[in-house]
Amino acid sequence: MSLKNNSSRAWTFYVYQVQPNAGIDNVFPLAWLASPYSIAPSAQITFNWNTDYGFIWDEVGVVMPGVTFSASECVPGGLLENNTIKFSCSNNTPRFEAALTGNPAGSLVISTDQTVPNQVFSVGISMSGAGTFVTQAGPNLTSVFTPPSTPRYWVAAGTGVHAGTVLDATDVNQSFEVIFPVNVYEVALSLGMDNVWRQG
């Protein structure tokens, strides 16, 4: 995906995904891919990725918009195989156990045990090695993430956003849903002088 800045000011460009159908409350999207610097007028950046899923956790305290999530561990997973995992803090050692295949197929499931404290850790899922969604971890919880069969991507322009920034998806400015036609894997978008995204 190529993003060009045709506006009159520099922006951080980033990509995020829509919230999956989750069996839990308080699932937050992350700035999944983000430019590591501001994109100047007439400049552009290209993002590349794959659709490999994984499980992630981090110690961020209370999860809320504006907090930065930087995965402390990322374990590969899948929607049909290795789709369940357990997070534990036994012996004061936060970690994932090995991913296993379980139910429901098509979902990524994270369970925690009684050793996980409240409001210290967060757990979530990733795509292409970068976090997409997180939720607060606590003792004896099960988080079920059910991504859509075809991932949906949004691009946005902002300031003060980095890869891993926890977002409030209802309050993202200059956002636009990217459409990938069937069998098309490269798209180009531009942010115009009116600060509106256009594809093609």
N, C-alpha and C. Protein backbone atom coordinates (compact mmCIF):
# COMPACT_ATOMS: atom_id res chain seq x y z
N MET A 1 0.85 -1.18 0.00
CA MET A 1 0.00 0.00 0.00
C MET A 1 0.89 1.24 0.00
N SER A 2 0.70 2.10 -0.99
CA SER A 2 1.47 3.33 -1.11
C SER A 2 0.59 4.51 -0.71
N LEU A 3 1.09 5.34 0.20
CA LEU A 3 0.35 6.51 0.68
C LEU A 3 1.14 7.76 0.36
N LYS A 4 0.52 8.66 -0.40
CA LYS A 4 1.20 9.91 -0.79
C LYS A 4 0.52 11.10 -0.14
N ASN A 5 1.35 12.05 0.27
CA ASN A 5 0.84 13.27 0.91
C ASN A 5 0.76 14.40 -0.11
N ASN A 6 -0.46 14.67 -0.58
CA ASN A 6 -0.68 15.82 -1.47
C ASN A 6 -1.33 16.98 -0.73
N SER A 7 -1.29 16.93 0.60
CA SER A 7 -1.86 18.02 1.39
C SER A 7 -0.80 19.10 1.60
N SER A 8 -1.15 20.10 2.38
CA SER A 8 -0.24 21.24 2.57
C SER A 8 0.62 21.13 3.81
N ARG A 9 0.49 20.04 4.58
CA ARG A 9 1.28 19.91 5.81
C ARG A 9 1.75 18.48 5.99
N ALA A 10 2.71 18.32 6.89
CA ALA A 10 3.26 16.99 7.17
C ALA A 10 2.35 16.24 8.14
N TRP A 11 2.23 14.94 7.93
CA TRP A 11 1.39 14.08 8.77
C TRP A 11 2.11 12.76 9.05
N THR A 12 1.75 12.15 10.15
CA THR A 12 2.06 10.74 10.35
C THR A 12 0.95 9.94 9.68
N PHE A 13 1.32 9.04 8.79
CA PHE A 13 0.34 8.17 8.15
C PHE A 13 0.33 6.84 8.88
N TYR A 14 -0.86 6.30 9.12
CA TYR A 14 -0.92 4.99 9.79
C TYR A 14 -2.11 4.18 9.29
N VAL A 15 -2.03 2.89 9.56
CA VAL A 15 -3.05 1.93 9.13
C VAL A 15 -3.57 1.22 10.37
N TYR A 16 -4.88 1.04 10.44
CA TYR A 16 -5.47 0.27 11.53
C TYR A 16 -6.59 -0.60 10.97
N GLN A 17 -7.04 -1.54 11.78
CA GLN A 17 -8.10 -2.44 11.35
C GLN A 17 -9.34 -2.21 12.20
N VAL A 18 -10.48 -2.66 11.67
CA VAL A 18 -11.72 -2.53 12.43
C VAL A 18 -11.78 -3.62 13.48
N GLN A 19 -12.50 -3.33 14.54
CA GLN A 19 -12.59 -4.27 15.65
C GLN A 19 -13.24 -5.57 15.21
N PRO A 20 -12.60 -6.70 15.55
CA PRO A 20 -13.22 -7.98 15.21
C PRO A 20 -14.42 -8.24 16.11
N ASN A 21 -15.24 -9.17 15.72
CA ASN A 21 -16.35 -9.60 16.56
C ASN A 21 -15.75 -10.30 17.77
N ALA A 22 -15.74 -9.63 18.90
CA ALA A 22 -15.06 -10.17 20.07
C ALA A 22 -16.05 -10.55 21.15
N GLY A 23 -15.74 -11.63 21.84
CA GLY A 23 -16.58 -12.05 22.94
C GLY A 23 -16.21 -11.35 24.22
N ILE A 24 -15.64 -10.16 24.11
CA ILE A 24 -15.19 -9.41 25.27
C ILE A 24 -15.45 -7.93 25.04
N ASP A 25 -15.57 -7.19 26.12
CA ASP A 25 -15.71 -5.74 26.03
C ASP A 25 -14.33 -5.10 26.03
N ASN A 26 -14.30 -3.84 25.69
CA ASN A 26 -13.08 -3.04 25.77
C ASN A 26 -11.94 -3.60 24.93
N VAL A 27 -12.24 -3.93 23.69
CA VAL A 27 -11.20 -4.29 22.73
C VAL A 27 -10.81 -3.02 22.00
N PHE A 28 -9.52 -2.71 22.02
CA PHE A 28 -9.03 -1.48 21.41
C PHE A 28 -8.20 -1.79 20.16
N PRO A 29 -8.43 -1.06 19.06
CA PRO A 29 -7.53 -1.19 17.90
C PRO A 29 -6.23 -0.45 18.17
N LEU A 30 -5.18 -0.91 17.54
CA LEU A 30 -3.88 -0.24 17.61
C LEU A 30 -3.56 0.39 16.27
N ALA A 31 -2.73 1.43 16.31
CA ALA A 31 -2.11 1.90 15.07
C ALA A 31 -1.20 0.75 14.64
N TRP A 32 -1.66 -0.02 13.68
CA TRP A 32 -1.00 -1.28 13.32
C TRP A 32 0.30 -1.02 12.57
N LEU A 33 0.24 -0.24 11.53
CA LEU A 33 1.42 0.19 10.77
C LEU A 33 1.44 1.71 10.80
N ALA A 34 2.60 2.29 11.02
CA ALA A 34 2.69 3.76 11.08
C ALA A 34 4.02 4.23 10.53
N SER A 35 4.00 5.39 9.88
CA SER A 35 5.25 5.96 9.39
C SER A 35 6.12 6.33 10.59
N PRO A 36 7.41 6.03 10.55
CA PRO A 36 8.29 6.34 11.68
C PRO A 36 8.66 7.81 11.77
N TYR A 37 8.18 8.60 10.84
CA TYR A 37 8.44 10.03 10.78
C TYR A 37 7.26 10.68 10.08
N SER A 38 7.19 12.00 10.15
CA SER A 38 6.11 12.71 9.45
C SER A 38 6.37 12.67 7.94
N ILE A 39 5.30 12.51 7.19
CA ILE A 39 5.40 12.48 5.73
C ILE A 39 5.15 13.89 5.21
N ALA A 40 6.18 14.49 4.62
CA ALA A 40 6.10 15.86 4.14
C ALA A 40 5.21 15.97 2.91
N PRO A 41 4.70 17.16 2.62
CA PRO A 41 3.95 17.36 1.38
C PRO A 41 4.76 16.89 0.17
N SER A 42 4.12 16.16 -0.71
CA SER A 42 4.65 15.56 -1.94
C SER A 42 5.47 14.29 -1.70
N ALA A 43 5.67 13.92 -0.43
CA ALA A 43 6.39 12.67 -0.12
C ALA A 43 5.40 11.52 0.04
N GLN A 44 5.92 10.31 0.06
CA GLN A 44 5.06 9.15 0.21
C GLN A 44 5.77 8.06 1.00
N ILE A 45 5.00 7.05 1.41
CA ILE A 45 5.54 5.90 2.13
C ILE A 45 4.78 4.67 1.66
N THR A 46 5.45 3.53 1.69
CA THR A 46 4.82 2.27 1.30
C THR A 46 4.85 1.29 2.47
N PHE A 47 3.71 0.66 2.74
CA PHE A 47 3.61 -0.38 3.76
C PHE A 47 3.39 -1.72 3.08
N ASN A 48 4.11 -2.74 3.58
CA ASN A 48 3.95 -4.11 3.09
C ASN A 48 3.65 -5.02 4.27
N TRP A 49 2.84 -6.05 4.06
CA TRP A 49 2.53 -6.96 5.15
C TRP A 49 2.04 -8.29 4.61
N ASN A 50 1.92 -9.26 5.53
CA ASN A 50 1.25 -10.52 5.23
C ASN A 50 0.08 -10.65 6.19
N THR A 51 -0.71 -11.69 6.03
CA THR A 51 -1.90 -11.86 6.88
C THR A 51 -1.72 -12.97 7.91
N ASP A 52 -0.48 -13.19 8.34
CA ASP A 52 -0.21 -14.19 9.38
C ASP A 52 -0.59 -13.62 10.74
N TYR A 53 -1.40 -14.37 11.49
CA TYR A 53 -1.86 -13.93 12.81
C TYR A 53 -0.91 -14.37 13.91
N GLY A 54 -1.05 -13.73 15.06
CA GLY A 54 -0.27 -14.10 16.23
C GLY A 54 -0.91 -13.59 17.50
N PHE A 55 -0.33 -14.00 18.63
CA PHE A 55 -0.79 -13.58 19.95
C PHE A 55 0.27 -12.66 20.57
N ILE A 56 -0.18 -11.62 21.26
CA ILE A 56 0.75 -10.64 21.84
C ILE A 56 0.34 -10.28 23.26
N TRP A 57 1.32 -9.85 24.06
CA TRP A 57 1.03 -9.27 25.37
C TRP A 57 2.04 -8.19 25.67
N ASP A 58 1.70 -7.32 26.61
CA ASP A 58 2.61 -6.26 27.05
C ASP A 58 2.17 -5.79 28.43
N GLU A 59 3.09 -5.16 29.13
CA GLU A 59 2.79 -4.55 30.43
C GLU A 59 2.59 -3.05 30.20
N VAL A 60 1.33 -2.61 30.13
CA VAL A 60 1.04 -1.21 29.85
C VAL A 60 0.19 -0.57 30.93
N GLY A 61 -0.14 -1.32 31.99
CA GLY A 61 -1.07 -0.78 32.98
C GLY A 61 -2.47 -0.79 32.41
N VAL A 62 -3.23 0.26 32.69
CA VAL A 62 -4.60 0.34 32.20
C VAL A 62 -4.58 0.66 30.71
N VAL A 63 -5.27 -0.14 29.92
CA VAL A 63 -5.33 0.08 28.47
C VAL A 63 -6.35 1.17 28.18
N MET A 64 -5.90 2.22 27.49
CA MET A 64 -6.78 3.32 27.11
C MET A 64 -6.20 4.02 25.90
N PRO A 65 -7.02 4.74 25.14
CA PRO A 65 -6.50 5.46 23.98
C PRO A 65 -5.34 6.39 24.35
N GLY A 66 -4.31 6.38 23.51
CA GLY A 66 -3.14 7.20 23.72
C GLY A 66 -1.96 6.45 24.30
N VAL A 67 -2.22 5.33 24.98
CA VAL A 67 -1.15 4.50 25.52
C VAL A 67 -0.46 3.78 24.37
N THR A 68 0.84 3.56 24.48
CA THR A 68 1.56 2.83 23.44
C THR A 68 1.79 1.39 23.87
N PHE A 69 1.36 0.47 23.04
CA PHE A 69 1.54 -0.96 23.26
C PHE A 69 2.72 -1.42 22.44
N SER A 70 3.71 -2.03 23.09
CA SER A 70 4.87 -2.58 22.39
C SER A 70 5.00 -4.03 22.82
N ALA A 71 4.67 -4.94 21.95
CA ALA A 71 4.56 -6.36 22.32
C ALA A 71 5.84 -6.88 22.97
N SER A 72 5.68 -7.45 24.16
CA SER A 72 6.80 -8.08 24.85
C SER A 72 7.04 -9.50 24.34
N GLU A 73 6.01 -10.08 23.77
CA GLU A 73 6.13 -11.42 23.18
C GLU A 73 5.09 -11.54 22.07
N CYS A 74 5.47 -12.20 21.00
CA CYS A 74 4.55 -12.44 19.88
C CYS A 74 4.70 -13.90 19.47
N VAL A 75 3.62 -14.66 19.65
CA VAL A 75 3.63 -16.09 19.32
C VAL A 75 2.77 -16.31 18.08
N PRO A 76 3.30 -16.95 17.05
CA PRO A 76 2.50 -17.20 15.85
C PRO A 76 1.26 -18.02 16.16
N GLY A 77 0.18 -17.70 15.46
CA GLY A 77 -1.07 -18.44 15.62
C GLY A 77 -1.79 -18.49 14.29
N GLY A 78 -2.96 -19.08 14.29
CA GLY A 78 -3.76 -19.16 13.07
C GLY A 78 -5.22 -19.26 13.41
N LEU A 79 -6.07 -19.08 12.41
CA LEU A 79 -7.51 -19.13 12.66
C LEU A 79 -8.03 -20.56 12.75
N LEU A 80 -7.31 -21.52 12.17
CA LEU A 80 -7.77 -22.91 12.19
C LEU A 80 -6.86 -23.81 13.01
N GLU A 81 -5.57 -23.52 13.03
CA GLU A 81 -4.61 -24.29 13.82
C GLU A 81 -3.86 -23.34 14.74
N ASN A 82 -3.47 -23.87 15.91
CA ASN A 82 -2.75 -23.05 16.90
C ASN A 82 -3.49 -21.75 17.17
N ASN A 83 -4.80 -21.87 17.41
CA ASN A 83 -5.65 -20.68 17.59
C ASN A 83 -6.00 -20.39 19.04
N THR A 84 -5.49 -21.16 19.98
CA THR A 84 -5.74 -20.89 21.40
C THR A 84 -4.41 -20.85 22.14
N ILE A 85 -4.36 -20.00 23.18
CA ILE A 85 -3.13 -19.86 23.94
C ILE A 85 -3.46 -19.42 25.36
N LYS A 86 -2.57 -19.74 26.29
CA LYS A 86 -2.75 -19.38 27.69
C LYS A 86 -1.67 -18.39 28.11
N PHE A 87 -2.09 -17.33 28.82
CA PHE A 87 -1.16 -16.33 29.36
C PHE A 87 -1.11 -16.48 30.87
N SER A 88 0.11 -16.52 31.42
CA SER A 88 0.31 -16.76 32.84
C SER A 88 1.39 -15.85 33.38
N CYS A 89 1.33 -15.57 34.69
CA CYS A 89 2.39 -14.81 35.37
C CYS A 89 2.97 -15.64 36.51
N SER A 90 2.94 -16.95 36.36
CA SER A 90 3.45 -17.85 37.39
C SER A 90 4.91 -17.54 37.70
N ASN A 91 5.27 -17.56 38.98
CA ASN A 91 6.63 -17.25 39.44
C ASN A 91 7.09 -15.87 38.99
N ASN A 92 6.14 -14.92 38.91
CA ASN A 92 6.43 -13.55 38.49
C ASN A 92 7.11 -13.52 37.11
N THR A 93 6.69 -14.44 36.24
CA THR A 93 7.26 -14.53 34.90
C THR A 93 6.12 -14.51 33.88
N PRO A 94 5.74 -13.32 33.40
CA PRO A 94 4.67 -13.26 32.40
C PRO A 94 5.11 -13.91 31.10
N ARG A 95 4.24 -14.79 30.59
CA ARG A 95 4.59 -15.47 29.33
C ARG A 95 3.38 -16.19 28.78
N PHE A 96 3.47 -16.47 27.48
CA PHE A 96 2.51 -17.35 26.82
C PHE A 96 3.01 -18.78 26.91
N GLU A 97 2.08 -19.71 27.01
CA GLU A 97 2.41 -21.11 26.82
C GLU A 97 2.32 -21.41 25.32
N ALA A 98 2.61 -22.64 24.93
CA ALA A 98 2.55 -22.99 23.51
C ALA A 98 1.12 -22.87 22.99
N ALA A 99 0.99 -22.37 21.77
CA ALA A 99 -0.33 -22.27 21.14
C ALA A 99 -0.82 -23.67 20.78
N LEU A 100 -2.13 -23.89 20.95
CA LEU A 100 -2.75 -25.17 20.66
C LEU A 100 -3.95 -24.97 19.74
N THR A 101 -4.37 -26.02 19.09
CA THR A 101 -5.56 -25.97 18.25
C THR A 101 -6.78 -26.28 19.10
N GLY A 102 -7.79 -25.41 19.05
CA GLY A 102 -8.98 -25.60 19.87
C GLY A 102 -10.20 -24.94 19.26
N ASN A 103 -11.24 -24.85 20.06
CA ASN A 103 -12.50 -24.25 19.61
C ASN A 103 -12.64 -22.84 20.17
N PRO A 104 -13.34 -21.97 19.45
CA PRO A 104 -13.98 -22.21 18.15
C PRO A 104 -13.00 -21.98 17.00
N ALA A 105 -13.09 -22.81 15.98
CA ALA A 105 -12.28 -22.61 14.78
C ALA A 105 -12.67 -21.28 14.15
N GLY A 106 -11.68 -20.57 13.62
CA GLY A 106 -11.95 -19.26 13.02
C GLY A 106 -11.77 -18.12 13.98
N SER A 107 -11.46 -18.43 15.24
CA SER A 107 -11.24 -17.39 16.25
C SER A 107 -9.88 -17.59 16.90
N LEU A 108 -9.35 -16.52 17.45
CA LEU A 108 -8.12 -16.56 18.23
C LEU A 108 -8.51 -16.36 19.69
N VAL A 109 -8.14 -17.32 20.55
CA VAL A 109 -8.61 -17.35 21.93
C VAL A 109 -7.42 -17.24 22.88
N ILE A 110 -7.50 -16.28 23.80
CA ILE A 110 -6.46 -16.11 24.82
C ILE A 110 -7.12 -16.29 26.18
N SER A 111 -6.62 -17.25 26.96
CA SER A 111 -7.12 -17.44 28.33
C SER A 111 -6.02 -17.08 29.31
N THR A 112 -6.41 -16.57 30.45
CA THR A 112 -5.46 -16.23 31.51
C THR A 112 -5.76 -17.09 32.73
N ASP A 113 -4.75 -17.29 33.57
CA ASP A 113 -4.99 -18.05 34.80
C ASP A 113 -5.03 -17.12 36.00
N GLN A 114 -5.11 -17.69 37.18
CA GLN A 114 -5.29 -16.90 38.40
C GLN A 114 -4.06 -16.09 38.78
N THR A 115 -2.91 -16.33 38.13
CA THR A 115 -1.69 -15.60 38.49
C THR A 115 -1.60 -14.24 37.81
N VAL A 116 -2.49 -13.95 36.88
CA VAL A 116 -2.43 -12.68 36.13
C VAL A 116 -3.13 -11.58 36.93
N PRO A 117 -2.42 -10.51 37.31
CA PRO A 117 -3.04 -9.44 38.10
C PRO A 117 -3.95 -8.55 37.25
N ASN A 118 -4.81 -7.81 37.92
CA ASN A 118 -5.68 -6.85 37.24
C ASN A 118 -4.90 -5.60 36.86
N GLN A 119 -5.23 -5.01 35.72
CA GLN A 119 -4.77 -3.70 35.27
C GLN A 119 -3.25 -3.54 35.24
N VAL A 120 -2.57 -4.62 34.88
CA VAL A 120 -1.11 -4.57 34.71
C VAL A 120 -0.74 -4.94 33.27
N PHE A 121 -1.29 -6.04 32.81
CA PHE A 121 -0.95 -6.55 31.48
C PHE A 121 -2.13 -6.41 30.52
N SER A 122 -1.81 -6.41 29.24
CA SER A 122 -2.84 -6.48 28.21
C SER A 122 -2.44 -7.58 27.24
N VAL A 123 -3.43 -8.18 26.61
CA VAL A 123 -3.21 -9.25 25.64
C VAL A 123 -3.97 -8.92 24.37
N GLY A 124 -3.55 -9.52 23.27
CA GLY A 124 -4.25 -9.23 22.03
C GLY A 124 -3.74 -10.07 20.89
N ILE A 125 -4.05 -9.61 19.68
CA ILE A 125 -3.65 -10.34 18.48
C ILE A 125 -2.86 -9.44 17.55
N SER A 126 -2.12 -10.09 16.68
CA SER A 126 -1.27 -9.36 15.73
C SER A 126 -1.51 -9.89 14.33
N MET A 127 -1.06 -9.10 13.36
CA MET A 127 -1.00 -9.55 11.97
C MET A 127 0.34 -9.10 11.42
N SER A 128 1.01 -10.00 10.73
CA SER A 128 2.31 -9.69 10.14
C SER A 128 3.31 -9.22 11.20
N GLY A 129 3.16 -9.76 12.43
CA GLY A 129 4.10 -9.45 13.51
C GLY A 129 3.86 -8.15 14.23
N ALA A 130 2.80 -7.42 13.89
CA ALA A 130 2.50 -6.14 14.54
C ALA A 130 1.11 -6.19 15.15
N GLY A 131 0.96 -5.62 16.34
CA GLY A 131 -0.30 -5.67 17.06
C GLY A 131 -1.44 -4.99 16.32
N THR A 132 -2.62 -5.62 16.36
CA THR A 132 -3.82 -5.04 15.74
C THR A 132 -4.89 -4.69 16.77
N PHE A 133 -5.09 -5.57 17.77
CA PHE A 133 -6.12 -5.34 18.79
C PHE A 133 -5.62 -5.83 20.14
N VAL A 134 -5.98 -5.09 21.20
CA VAL A 134 -5.61 -5.51 22.56
C VAL A 134 -6.79 -5.29 23.50
N THR A 135 -6.72 -5.99 24.61
CA THR A 135 -7.70 -5.82 25.68
C THR A 135 -7.00 -6.01 27.01
N GLN A 136 -7.60 -5.51 28.07
CA GLN A 136 -7.03 -5.62 29.40
C GLN A 136 -7.02 -7.07 29.85
N ALA A 137 -5.91 -7.50 30.43
CA ALA A 137 -5.82 -8.85 30.99
C ALA A 137 -6.14 -8.82 32.48
N GLY A 138 -6.56 -9.94 32.99
CA GLY A 138 -6.86 -10.09 34.41
C GLY A 138 -6.95 -11.56 34.72
N PRO A 139 -7.18 -11.91 35.99
CA PRO A 139 -7.22 -13.33 36.35
C PRO A 139 -8.43 -14.06 35.78
N ASN A 140 -8.17 -15.26 35.28
CA ASN A 140 -9.22 -16.19 34.86
C ASN A 140 -10.18 -15.60 33.83
N LEU A 141 -9.63 -14.97 32.81
CA LEU A 141 -10.43 -14.39 31.73
C LEU A 141 -10.19 -15.16 30.43
N THR A 142 -11.18 -15.13 29.56
CA THR A 142 -11.03 -15.69 28.22
C THR A 142 -11.42 -14.62 27.21
N SER A 143 -10.51 -14.32 26.31
CA SER A 143 -10.74 -13.31 25.27
C SER A 143 -10.81 -14.01 23.93
N VAL A 144 -11.92 -13.82 23.22
CA VAL A 144 -12.14 -14.46 21.93
C VAL A 144 -12.17 -13.39 20.84
N PHE A 145 -11.18 -13.43 19.95
CA PHE A 145 -11.10 -12.49 18.84
C PHE A 145 -11.50 -13.23 17.56
N THR A 146 -12.50 -12.72 16.86
CA THR A 146 -12.96 -13.35 15.62
C THR A 146 -12.83 -12.36 14.47
N PRO A 147 -11.67 -12.37 13.79
CA PRO A 147 -11.48 -11.44 12.68
C PRO A 147 -12.42 -11.76 11.52
N PRO A 148 -12.74 -10.76 10.70
CA PRO A 148 -13.56 -11.02 9.51
C PRO A 148 -12.80 -11.93 8.54
N SER A 149 -13.53 -12.64 7.70
CA SER A 149 -12.89 -13.55 6.75
C SER A 149 -11.95 -12.81 5.81
N THR A 150 -12.29 -11.58 5.49
CA THR A 150 -11.41 -10.71 4.71
C THR A 150 -11.07 -9.50 5.56
N PRO A 151 -9.79 -9.33 5.94
CA PRO A 151 -9.43 -8.19 6.80
C PRO A 151 -9.84 -6.87 6.17
N ARG A 152 -10.23 -5.94 7.02
CA ARG A 152 -10.60 -4.59 6.57
C ARG A 152 -9.59 -3.60 7.13
N TYR A 153 -9.11 -2.72 6.25
CA TYR A 153 -8.04 -1.79 6.61
C TYR A 153 -8.50 -0.35 6.45
N TRP A 154 -8.08 0.48 7.40
CA TRP A 154 -8.31 1.92 7.32
C TRP A 154 -6.96 2.62 7.34
N VAL A 155 -6.85 3.71 6.58
CA VAL A 155 -5.68 4.58 6.65
C VAL A 155 -6.11 5.87 7.32
N ALA A 156 -5.16 6.52 7.97
CA ALA A 156 -5.45 7.78 8.65
C ALA A 156 -4.21 8.64 8.67
N ALA A 157 -4.42 9.92 8.88
CA ALA A 157 -3.33 10.89 9.02
C ALA A 157 -3.50 11.58 10.37
N GLY A 158 -2.41 11.73 11.09
CA GLY A 158 -2.51 12.36 12.40
C GLY A 158 -1.16 12.84 12.88
N THR A 159 -1.13 13.24 14.14
CA THR A 159 0.11 13.65 14.79
C THR A 159 0.20 12.93 16.13
N GLY A 160 1.41 12.67 16.58
CA GLY A 160 1.59 12.01 17.87
C GLY A 160 1.18 10.56 17.88
N VAL A 161 1.08 9.94 16.72
CA VAL A 161 0.70 8.53 16.63
C VAL A 161 1.92 7.72 16.22
N HIS A 162 2.10 6.59 16.86
CA HIS A 162 3.21 5.68 16.56
C HIS A 162 2.64 4.28 16.37
N ALA A 163 3.42 3.40 15.78
CA ALA A 163 3.00 2.00 15.71
C ALA A 163 2.76 1.50 17.13
N GLY A 164 1.59 0.95 17.38
CA GLY A 164 1.25 0.46 18.71
C GLY A 164 0.44 1.41 19.55
N THR A 165 0.20 2.63 19.07
CA THR A 165 -0.65 3.56 19.82
C THR A 165 -2.06 2.99 19.92
N VAL A 166 -2.60 2.96 21.14
CA VAL A 166 -3.98 2.50 21.34
C VAL A 166 -4.92 3.60 20.84
N LEU A 167 -5.87 3.21 19.99
CA LEU A 167 -6.76 4.17 19.34
C LEU A 167 -8.17 4.10 19.89
N ASP A 168 -8.86 5.22 19.78
CA ASP A 168 -10.31 5.25 19.92
C ASP A 168 -10.83 5.36 18.49
N ALA A 169 -11.29 4.24 17.93
CA ALA A 169 -11.65 4.21 16.51
C ALA A 169 -12.78 5.16 16.16
N THR A 170 -13.54 5.61 17.17
CA THR A 170 -14.64 6.54 16.90
C THR A 170 -14.14 7.97 16.81
N ASP A 171 -12.84 8.18 17.09
CA ASP A 171 -12.30 9.54 17.14
C ASP A 171 -11.04 9.67 16.30
N VAL A 172 -10.98 8.94 15.18
CA VAL A 172 -9.83 9.02 14.29
C VAL A 172 -10.16 9.98 13.15
N ASN A 173 -9.34 11.01 12.97
CA ASN A 173 -9.56 12.00 11.92
C ASN A 173 -8.88 11.57 10.62
N GLN A 174 -9.34 12.14 9.53
CA GLN A 174 -8.76 11.87 8.21
C GLN A 174 -8.57 10.37 7.98
N SER A 175 -9.64 9.59 8.18
CA SER A 175 -9.54 8.15 7.97
C SER A 175 -10.32 7.74 6.73
N PHE A 176 -9.95 6.58 6.18
CA PHE A 176 -10.53 6.13 4.92
C PHE A 176 -10.38 4.62 4.84
N GLU A 177 -11.46 3.92 4.48
CA GLU A 177 -11.37 2.46 4.32
C GLU A 177 -10.76 2.14 2.96
N VAL A 178 -9.72 1.31 2.99
CA VAL A 178 -9.03 0.91 1.77
C VAL A 178 -9.72 -0.31 1.18
N ILE A 179 -9.97 -0.27 -0.11
CA ILE A 179 -10.61 -1.39 -0.80
C ILE A 179 -9.57 -2.12 -1.65
N PHE A 180 -9.42 -3.41 -1.39
CA PHE A 180 -8.58 -4.25 -2.23
C PHE A 180 -9.50 -5.08 -3.12
N PRO A 181 -9.59 -4.78 -4.42
CA PRO A 181 -10.40 -5.61 -5.31
C PRO A 181 -9.89 -7.05 -5.33
N VAL A 182 -10.71 -7.97 -5.78
CA VAL A 182 -10.33 -9.38 -5.83
C VAL A 182 -9.05 -9.55 -6.64
N ASN A 183 -8.10 -10.31 -6.05
CA ASN A 183 -6.81 -10.62 -6.67
C ASN A 183 -5.94 -9.39 -6.92
N VAL A 184 -6.20 -8.31 -6.20
CA VAL A 184 -5.34 -7.12 -6.25
C VAL A 184 -4.65 -6.99 -4.89
N TYR A 185 -3.33 -6.86 -4.92
CA TYR A 185 -2.56 -6.86 -3.67
C TYR A 185 -1.73 -5.59 -3.48
N GLU A 186 -1.84 -4.66 -4.41
CA GLU A 186 -1.15 -3.38 -4.28
C GLU A 186 -2.13 -2.26 -4.61
N VAL A 187 -2.21 -1.27 -3.74
CA VAL A 187 -3.08 -0.12 -3.99
C VAL A 187 -2.31 1.15 -3.66
N ALA A 188 -2.77 2.26 -4.21
CA ALA A 188 -2.17 3.57 -3.96
C ALA A 188 -3.26 4.53 -3.51
N LEU A 189 -2.94 5.31 -2.49
CA LEU A 189 -3.86 6.32 -1.99
C LEU A 189 -3.11 7.63 -1.83
N SER A 190 -3.87 8.72 -1.84
CA SER A 190 -3.25 10.02 -1.61
C SER A 190 -4.16 10.86 -0.72
N LEU A 191 -3.54 11.69 0.09
CA LEU A 191 -4.26 12.65 0.93
C LEU A 191 -4.20 13.99 0.22
N GLY A 192 -5.37 14.53 -0.14
CA GLY A 192 -5.42 15.74 -0.94
C GLY A 192 -5.28 17.03 -0.15
N MET A 193 -5.30 18.14 -0.87
CA MET A 193 -5.22 19.46 -0.24
C MET A 193 -6.40 19.71 0.70
N ASP A 194 -7.50 19.00 0.47
CA ASP A 194 -8.67 19.14 1.33
C ASP A 194 -8.63 18.16 2.51
N ASN A 195 -7.47 17.48 2.68
CA ASN A 195 -7.28 16.50 3.75
C ASN A 195 -8.26 15.34 3.66
N VAL A 196 -8.61 14.96 2.44
CA VAL A 196 -9.48 13.82 2.19
C VAL A 196 -8.67 12.78 1.41
N TRP A 197 -8.77 11.51 1.84
CA TRP A 197 -8.08 10.42 1.16
C TRP A 197 -8.81 10.04 -0.12
N ARG A 198 -8.03 9.67 -1.13
CA ARG A 198 -8.57 9.15 -2.38
C ARG A 198 -7.75 7.94 -2.79
N GLN A 199 -8.44 6.92 -3.27
CA GLN A 199 -7.77 5.71 -3.71
C GLN A 199 -7.69 5.68 -5.22
N GLY A 200 -6.50 5.27 -5.72
CA GLY A 200 -6.33 5.15 -7.16
C GLY A 200 -5.56 6.31 -7.75
